Amino acid sequence: MLREIASKELFTVLLVVGLVIIAIAKLTDPRRFNEFILVIGNSKYLKIYAREQKFFDVFDALLFGNLVISSSIFAYIIFQFLSENNDISINILFKLAIGIASFFLIKVLIERLIGSLFEIDKLVDGYLFQKISYKNYLGILLLPINAFLLYSFKLSLPVIYTIIIILLLVNIIGLITSFKSYQSLIKQHFFYFILYLCALEIAPYIILYKVFMT
């Protein structure tokens, strides 16, 4: 019982940290945050702020921090359920956070490098901004989801699958929005687009799945 309480306390602290990060992001730029919350089904945010993006954006960096925390908690909750182990390992949680952060950052850097090599930096930067925005949106969605999983719902495989499907749908909406924005270029370079899709959008997640399932 004491271990379970300690486990919940650690998760509670991490959830509060995520909320604080989101609050700081809102205080940093209230107007941008309000428009960001409506990004699903509304391309206004993407059109306005894609033009103003920088290599390092404080607003996106804060939301990315929350994404890493929220994703780590969600991954660890599933890990605990599948392993049937209620004990918490700070070491595993820390490794998950480092792994998730490294995965996203390395992926973005590789895509920027490809954009630079093919001299399509502006196109890649705009596309990445859209993808990062939707990923950060997922981080905000995961905060209440994690809270419910920890303190309200009894976790089960149907619940896990339902949540994963919801998160995938949001991600797919983001990808479709990005593809619509660049559909004329995609049509012109369809073969390279398919290569990109397989190499940088599908393959990394298949590799991750294989790593966690072995």
C-alpha atoms as a PDB file:
ATOM      1  CA  MET A   1       0.000   0.000   0.000  1.00  0.00           C
ATOM      2  CA  LEU A   2       2.808   2.410   0.894  1.00  0.00           C
ATOM      3  CA  ARG A   3       4.552   1.662  -2.410  1.00  0.00           C
ATOM      4  CA  GLU A   4       1.334   2.368  -4.317  1.00  0.00           C
ATOM      5  CA  ILE A   5       0.878   5.683  -2.485  1.00  0.00           C
ATOM      6  CA  ALA A   6       4.503   6.650  -3.187  1.00  0.00           C
ATOM      7  CA  SER A   7       3.983   5.734  -6.841  1.00  0.00           C
ATOM      8  CA  LYS A   8       0.864   7.902  -7.082  1.00  0.00           C
ATOM      9  CA  GLU A   9       2.644  10.788  -5.358  1.00  0.00           C
ATOM     10  CA  LEU A  10       5.447  10.745  -7.936  1.00  0.00           C
ATOM     11  CA  PHE A  11       2.970  10.694 -10.805  1.00  0.00           C
ATOM     12  CA  THR A  12       1.017  13.509  -9.136  1.00  0.00           C
ATOM     13  CA  VAL A  13       4.172  15.632  -8.969  1.00  0.00           C
ATOM     14  CA  LEU A  14       4.876  14.968 -12.656  1.00  0.00           C
ATOM     15  CA  LEU A  15       1.298  15.850 -13.623  1.00  0.00           C
ATOM     16  CA  VAL A  16       1.566  19.109 -11.673  1.00  0.00           C
ATOM     17  CA  VAL A  17       4.884  19.864 -13.395  1.00  0.00           C
ATOM     18  CA  GLY A  18       3.163  19.322 -16.752  1.00  0.00           C
ATOM     19  CA  LEU A  19       0.347  21.689 -15.757  1.00  0.00           C
ATOM     20  CA  VAL A  20       2.849  24.310 -14.596  1.00  0.00           C
ATOM     21  CA  ILE A  21       4.707  24.081 -17.918  1.00  0.00           C
ATOM     22  CA  ILE A  22       1.442  24.571 -19.836  1.00  0.00           C
ATOM     23  CA  ALA A  23       0.534  27.522 -17.582  1.00  0.00           C
ATOM     24  CA  ILE A  24       3.929  29.121 -18.272  1.00  0.00           C
ATOM     25  CA  ALA A  25       3.402  28.625 -22.020  1.00  0.00           C
ATOM     26  CA  LYS A  26       0.026  30.353 -21.764  1.00  0.00           C
ATOM     27  CA  LEU A  27       1.495  33.232 -19.754  1.00  0.00           C
ATOM     28  CA  THR A  28       4.320  33.545 -22.281  1.00  0.00           C
ATOM     29  CA  ASP A  29       1.902  34.103 -25.164  1.00  0.00           C
ATOM     30  CA  PRO A  30      -1.821  33.993 -24.176  1.00  0.00           C
ATOM     31  CA  ARG A  31      -3.135  34.757 -27.659  1.00  0.00           C
ATOM     32  CA  ARG A  32      -1.006  32.108 -29.309  1.00  0.00           C
ATOM     33  CA  PHE A  33      -1.976  29.533 -26.671  1.00  0.00           C
ATOM     34  CA  ASN A  34      -5.717  30.177 -27.161  1.00  0.00           C
ATOM     35  CA  GLU A  35      -5.335  29.715 -30.906  1.00  0.00           C
ATOM     36  CA  PHE A  36      -3.168  26.629 -30.394  1.00  0.00           C
ATOM     37  CA  ILE A  37      -5.897  24.919 -28.328  1.00  0.00           C
ATOM     38  CA  LEU A  38      -8.205  25.195 -31.352  1.00  0.00           C
ATOM     39  CA  VAL A  39      -5.638  23.791 -33.797  1.00  0.00           C
ATOM     40  CA  ILE A  40      -7.704  20.649 -34.464  1.00  0.00           C
ATOM     41  CA  GLY A  41      -9.964  21.508 -37.369  1.00  0.00           C
ATOM     42  CA  ASN A  42      -8.635  25.071 -37.535  1.00  0.00           C
ATOM     43  CA  SER A  43      -5.602  25.887 -39.652  1.00  0.00           C
ATOM     44  CA  LYS A  44      -5.447  29.543 -38.547  1.00  0.00           C
ATOM     45  CA  TYR A  45      -2.787  28.838 -35.927  1.00  0.00           C
ATOM     46  CA  LEU A  46      -0.626  26.918 -38.392  1.00  0.00           C
ATOM     47  CA  LYS A  47      -0.856  29.604 -41.087  1.00  0.00           C
ATOM     48  CA  ILE A  48      -0.059  32.493 -38.738  1.00  0.00           C
ATOM     49  CA  TYR A  49       2.729  31.065 -36.613  1.00  0.00           C
ATOM     50  CA  ALA A  50       4.469  28.985 -39.267  1.00  0.00           C
ATOM     51  CA  ARG A  51       5.697  32.288 -40.725  1.00  0.00           C
ATOM     52  CA  GLU A  52       6.996  33.453 -37.333  1.00  0.00           C
ATOM     53  CA  GLN A  53       8.793  30.296 -36.252  1.00  0.00           C
ATOM     54  CA  LYS A  54      12.404  30.293 -35.125  1.00  0.00           C
ATOM     55  CA  PHE A  55      15.001  27.539 -34.824  1.00  0.00           C
ATOM     56  CA  PHE A  56      14.383  27.594 -31.054  1.00  0.00           C
ATOM     57  CA  ASP A  57      10.894  28.641 -30.026  1.00  0.00           C
ATOM     58  CA  VAL A  58      10.228  29.046 -26.279  1.00  0.00           C
ATOM     59  CA  PHE A  59       6.501  28.354 -26.662  1.00  0.00           C
ATOM     60  CA  ASP A  60       7.057  25.099 -28.579  1.00  0.00           C
ATOM     61  CA  ALA A  61       9.925  24.110 -26.264  1.00  0.00           C
ATOM     62  CA  LEU A  62       7.683  24.423 -23.192  1.00  0.00           C
ATOM     63  CA  LEU A  63       4.919  22.351 -24.777  1.00  0.00           C
ATOM     64  CA  PHE A  64       7.497  19.804 -25.913  1.00  0.00           C
ATOM     65  CA  GLY A  65       8.627  19.477 -22.281  1.00  0.00           C
ATOM     66  CA  ASN A  66       5.061  18.655 -21.308  1.00  0.00           C
ATOM     67  CA  LEU A  67       4.822  16.195 -24.222  1.00  0.00           C
ATOM     68  CA  VAL A  68       7.868  14.300 -22.943  1.00  0.00           C
ATOM     69  CA  ILE A  69       6.515  14.177 -19.368  1.00  0.00           C
ATOM     70  CA  SER A  70       2.980  13.182 -20.391  1.00  0.00           C
ATOM     71  CA  SER A  71       4.181  10.572 -22.905  1.00  0.00           C
ATOM     72  CA  SER A  72       6.544   9.070 -20.330  1.00  0.00           C
ATOM     73  CA  ILE A  73       3.769   8.766 -17.739  1.00  0.00           C
ATOM     74  CA  PHE A  74       1.399   7.201 -20.285  1.00  0.00           C
ATOM     75  CA  ALA A  75       4.056   4.747 -21.494  1.00  0.00           C
ATOM     76  CA  TYR A  76       4.925   3.802 -17.925  1.00  0.00           C
ATOM     77  CA  ILE A  77       1.264   3.260 -16.975  1.00  0.00           C
ATOM     78  CA  ILE A  78       0.937   0.830 -19.892  1.00  0.00           C
ATOM     79  CA  PHE A  79       4.253  -0.788 -18.937  1.00  0.00           C
ATOM     80  CA  GLN A  80       3.012  -1.349 -15.379  1.00  0.00           C
ATOM     81  CA  PHE A  81      -0.261  -2.819 -16.651  1.00  0.00           C
ATOM     82  CA  LEU A  82       1.360  -5.189 -19.136  1.00  0.00           C
ATOM     83  CA  SER A  83       4.073  -6.312 -16.699  1.00  0.00           C
ATOM     84  CA  GLU A  84       1.530  -6.593 -13.846  1.00  0.00           C
ATOM     85  CA  ASN A  85       3.999  -4.785 -11.603  1.00  0.00           C
ATOM     86  CA  ASN A  86       2.693  -1.987  -9.371  1.00  0.00           C
ATOM     87  CA  ASP A  87       6.158  -1.033  -8.108  1.00  0.00           C
ATOM     88  CA  ILE A  88       7.530   2.133  -9.630  1.00  0.00           C
ATOM     89  CA  SER A  89      11.031   2.324 -11.036  1.00  0.00           C
ATOM     90  CA  ILE A  90      12.301   5.895 -11.297  1.00  0.00           C
ATOM     91  CA  ASN A  91      15.134   4.526 -13.436  1.00  0.00           C
ATOM     92  CA  ILE A  92      12.737   3.120 -16.048  1.00  0.00           C
ATOM     93  CA  LEU A  93      10.619   6.277 -15.992  1.00  0.00           C
ATOM     94  CA  PHE A  94      13.720   8.400 -16.499  1.00  0.00           C
ATOM     95  CA  LYS A  95      14.893   6.176 -19.373  1.00  0.00           C
ATOM     96  CA  LEU A  96      11.480   6.462 -21.002  1.00  0.00           C
ATOM     97  CA  ALA A  97      11.618  10.265 -20.790  1.00  0.00           C
ATOM     98  CA  ILE A  98      15.149  10.393 -22.233  1.00  0.00           C
ATOM     99  CA  GLY A  99      14.231   7.889 -24.954  1.00  0.00           C
ATOM    100  CA  ILE A 100      11.077   9.760 -26.006  1.00  0.00           C
ATOM    101  CA  ALA A 101      12.826  13.148 -26.021  1.00  0.00           C
ATOM    102  CA  SER A 102      15.796  11.746 -27.964  1.00  0.00           C
ATOM    103  CA  PHE A 103      13.532  10.002 -30.484  1.00  0.00           C
ATOM    104  CA  PHE A 104      11.593  13.164 -31.346  1.00  0.00           C
ATOM    105  CA  LEU A 105      14.647  15.460 -31.368  1.00  0.00           C
ATOM    106  CA  ILE A 106      16.797  13.142 -33.508  1.00  0.00           C
ATOM    107  CA  LYS A 107      13.901  12.642 -35.928  1.00  0.00           C
ATOM    108  CA  VAL A 108      13.439  16.414 -36.307  1.00  0.00           C
ATOM    109  CA  LEU A 109      17.172  16.998 -36.766  1.00  0.00           C
ATOM    110  CA  ILE A 110      17.361  14.303 -39.469  1.00  0.00           C
ATOM    111  CA  GLU A 111      14.414  15.846 -41.299  1.00  0.00           C
ATOM    112  CA  ARG A 112      16.011  19.300 -41.080  1.00  0.00           C
ATOM    113  CA  LEU A 113      19.252  17.829 -42.414  1.00  0.00           C
ATOM    114  CA  ILE A 114      17.415  16.263 -45.348  1.00  0.00           C
ATOM    115  CA  GLY A 115      15.732  19.602 -46.041  1.00  0.00           C
ATOM    116  CA  SER A 116      19.106  21.319 -46.023  1.00  0.00           C
ATOM    117  CA  LEU A 117      20.707  18.710 -48.301  1.00  0.00           C
ATOM    118  CA  PHE A 118      17.945  19.034 -50.899  1.00  0.00           C
ATOM    119  CA  GLU A 119      17.725  22.825 -50.434  1.00  0.00           C
ATOM    120  CA  ILE A 120      14.082  22.753 -49.381  1.00  0.00           C
ATOM    121  CA  ASP A 121      14.644  24.169 -45.905  1.00  0.00           C
ATOM    122  CA  LYS A 122      11.622  26.477 -45.977  1.00  0.00           C
ATOM    123  CA  LEU A 123       9.262  23.704 -47.057  1.00  0.00           C
ATOM    124  CA  VAL A 124      10.585  21.255 -44.462  1.00  0.00           C
ATOM    125  CA  ASP A 125      10.505  23.878 -41.699  1.00  0.00           C
ATOM    126  CA  GLY A 126       6.845  24.634 -42.397  1.00  0.00           C
ATOM    127  CA  TYR A 127       5.950  20.955 -42.511  1.00  0.00           C
ATOM    128  CA  LEU A 128       7.847  20.230 -39.285  1.00  0.00           C
ATOM    129  CA  PHE A 129       6.133  23.131 -37.534  1.00  0.00           C
ATOM    130  CA  GLN A 130       2.764  21.607 -38.313  1.00  0.00           C
ATOM    131  CA  LYS A 131       3.822  18.151 -37.126  1.00  0.00           C
ATOM    132  CA  ILE A 132       5.394  19.488 -33.928  1.00  0.00           C
ATOM    133  CA  SER A 133       2.248  21.503 -33.183  1.00  0.00           C
ATOM    134  CA  TYR A 134       0.072  18.392 -33.365  1.00  0.00           C
ATOM    135  CA  LYS A 135       2.546  16.376 -31.275  1.00  0.00           C
ATOM    136  CA  ASN A 136       2.489  19.097 -28.604  1.00  0.00           C
ATOM    137  CA  TYR A 137      -1.306  19.044 -28.754  1.00  0.00           C
ATOM    138  CA  LEU A 138      -1.172  15.320 -27.990  1.00  0.00           C
ATOM    139  CA  GLY A 139       0.922  16.154 -24.930  1.00  0.00           C
ATOM    140  CA  ILE A 140      -1.858  18.386 -23.606  1.00  0.00           C
ATOM    141  CA  LEU A 141      -4.478  15.703 -24.316  1.00  0.00           C
ATOM    142  CA  LEU A 142      -2.422  13.140 -22.408  1.00  0.00           C
ATOM    143  CA  LEU A 143      -2.472  15.172 -19.177  1.00  0.00           C
ATOM    144  CA  PRO A 144      -6.169  14.571 -18.335  1.00  0.00           C
ATOM    145  CA  ILE A 145      -5.980  11.073 -19.827  1.00  0.00           C
ATOM    146  CA  ASN A 146      -3.112  10.176 -17.469  1.00  0.00           C
ATOM    147  CA  ALA A 147      -4.986  11.664 -14.521  1.00  0.00           C
ATOM    148  CA  PHE A 148      -8.066   9.542 -15.264  1.00  0.00           C
ATOM    149  CA  LEU A 149      -5.985   6.398 -15.727  1.00  0.00           C
ATOM    150  CA  LEU A 150      -4.172   6.972 -12.440  1.00  0.00           C
ATOM    151  CA  TYR A 151      -7.064   8.021 -10.232  1.00  0.00           C
ATOM    152  CA  SER A 152     -10.393   7.078 -11.840  1.00  0.00           C
ATOM    153  CA  PHE A 153     -10.477   4.373 -14.481  1.00  0.00           C
ATOM    154  CA  LYS A 154      -9.521   0.767 -13.964  1.00  0.00           C
ATOM    155  CA  LEU A 155      -7.038   0.074 -16.729  1.00  0.00           C
ATOM    156  CA  SER A 156      -7.851  -2.661 -19.235  1.00  0.00           C
ATOM    157  CA  LEU A 157      -6.794  -3.568 -22.763  1.00  0.00           C
ATOM    158  CA  PRO A 158      -9.974  -2.081 -24.363  1.00  0.00           C
ATOM    159  CA  VAL A 159      -9.318   1.210 -22.539  1.00  0.00           C
ATOM    160  CA  ILE A 160      -5.677   1.225 -23.713  1.00  0.00           C
ATOM    161  CA  TYR A 161      -6.671   0.492 -27.315  1.00  0.00           C
ATOM    162  CA  THR A 162      -9.374   3.190 -27.239  1.00  0.00           C
ATOM    163  CA  ILE A 163      -6.923   5.832 -25.984  1.00  0.00           C
ATOM    164  CA  ILE A 164      -4.256   4.830 -28.514  1.00  0.00           C
ATOM    165  CA  ILE A 165      -6.830   5.016 -31.342  1.00  0.00           C
ATOM    166  CA  ILE A 166      -7.870   8.528 -30.218  1.00  0.00           C
ATOM    167  CA  LEU A 167      -4.234   9.662 -30.121  1.00  0.00           C
ATOM    168  CA  LEU A 168      -3.580   8.123 -33.547  1.00  0.00           C
ATOM    169  CA  LEU A 169      -6.637   9.882 -34.989  1.00  0.00           C
ATOM    170  CA  VAL A 170      -5.350  13.246 -33.761  1.00  0.00           C
ATOM    171  CA  ASN A 171      -1.953  12.469 -35.283  1.00  0.00           C
ATOM    172  CA  ILE A 172      -3.553  11.397 -38.574  1.00  0.00           C
ATOM    173  CA  ILE A 173      -5.604  14.618 -38.669  1.00  0.00           C
ATOM    174  CA  GLY A 174      -2.340  16.510 -38.281  1.00  0.00           C
ATOM    175  CA  LEU A 175      -0.688  14.581 -41.114  1.00  0.00           C
ATOM    176  CA  ILE A 176      -3.686  15.072 -43.419  1.00  0.00           C
ATOM    177  CA  THR A 177      -3.659  18.815 -42.677  1.00  0.00           C
ATOM    178  CA  SER A 178       0.040  18.953 -43.530  1.00  0.00           C
ATOM    179  CA  PHE A 179      -0.421  16.938 -46.721  1.00  0.00           C
ATOM    180  CA  LYS A 180      -3.250  19.246 -47.848  1.00  0.00           C
ATOM    181  CA  SER A 181      -1.022  22.272 -47.325  1.00  0.00           C
ATOM    182  CA  TYR A 182       1.637  20.784 -49.605  1.00  0.00           C
ATOM    183  CA  GLN A 183      -0.478  18.639 -51.922  1.00  0.00           C
ATOM    184  CA  SER A 184       0.742  20.369 -55.095  1.00  0.00           C
ATOM    185  CA  LEU A 185       4.380  19.665 -54.191  1.00  0.00           C
ATOM    186  CA  ILE A 186       3.502  16.102 -53.165  1.00  0.00           C
ATOM    187  CA  LYS A 187       1.927  15.470 -56.566  1.00  0.00           C
ATOM    188  CA  GLN A 188       5.053  16.751 -58.299  1.00  0.00           C
ATOM    189  CA  HIS A 189       7.369  14.586 -56.206  1.00  0.00           C
ATOM    190  CA  PHE A 190       5.091  11.679 -55.316  1.00  0.00           C
ATOM    191  CA  PHE A 191       7.825   9.004 -55.433  1.00  0.00           C
ATOM    192  CA  TYR A 192      10.097  10.953 -53.063  1.00  0.00           C
ATOM    193  CA  PHE A 193       7.126  11.608 -50.820  1.00  0.00           C
ATOM    194  CA  ILE A 194       6.400   7.881 -50.520  1.00  0.00           C
ATOM    195  CA  LEU A 195      10.076   7.253 -49.720  1.00  0.00           C
ATOM    196  CA  TYR A 196       9.964   9.954 -47.071  1.00  0.00           C
ATOM    197  CA  LEU A 197       6.732   8.574 -45.609  1.00  0.00           C
ATOM    198  CA  CYS A 198       8.147   5.064 -45.323  1.00  0.00           C
ATOM    199  CA  ALA A 199      11.593   6.093 -44.058  1.00  0.00           C
ATOM    200  CA  LEU A 200      10.749   8.850 -41.573  1.00  0.00           C
ATOM    201  CA  GLU A 201       7.062   8.504 -40.698  1.00  0.00           C
ATOM    202  CA  ILE A 202       6.429   4.751 -40.613  1.00  0.00           C
ATOM    203  CA  ALA A 203       9.758   2.935 -40.151  1.00  0.00           C
ATOM    204  CA  PRO A 204      10.796   4.659 -36.874  1.00  0.00           C
ATOM    205  CA  TYR A 205       7.542   3.662 -35.158  1.00  0.00           C
ATOM    206  CA  ILE A 206       7.766   0.092 -36.449  1.00  0.00           C
ATOM    207  CA  ILE A 207      11.312  -0.113 -35.053  1.00  0.00           C
ATOM    208  CA  LEU A 208      10.105   1.243 -31.692  1.00  0.00           C
ATOM    209  CA  TYR A 209       7.288  -1.319 -31.645  1.00  0.00           C
ATOM    210  CA  LYS A 210       9.727  -4.150 -32.344  1.00  0.00           C
ATOM    211  CA  VAL A 211      12.097  -2.918 -29.614  1.00  0.00           C
ATOM    212  CA  PHE A 212       9.382  -2.775 -26.956  1.00  0.00           C
ATOM    213  CA  MET A 213       7.783  -6.070 -27.977  1.00  0.00           C
ATOM    214  CA  THR A 214      11.061  -8.070 -27.819  1.00  0.00           C
END
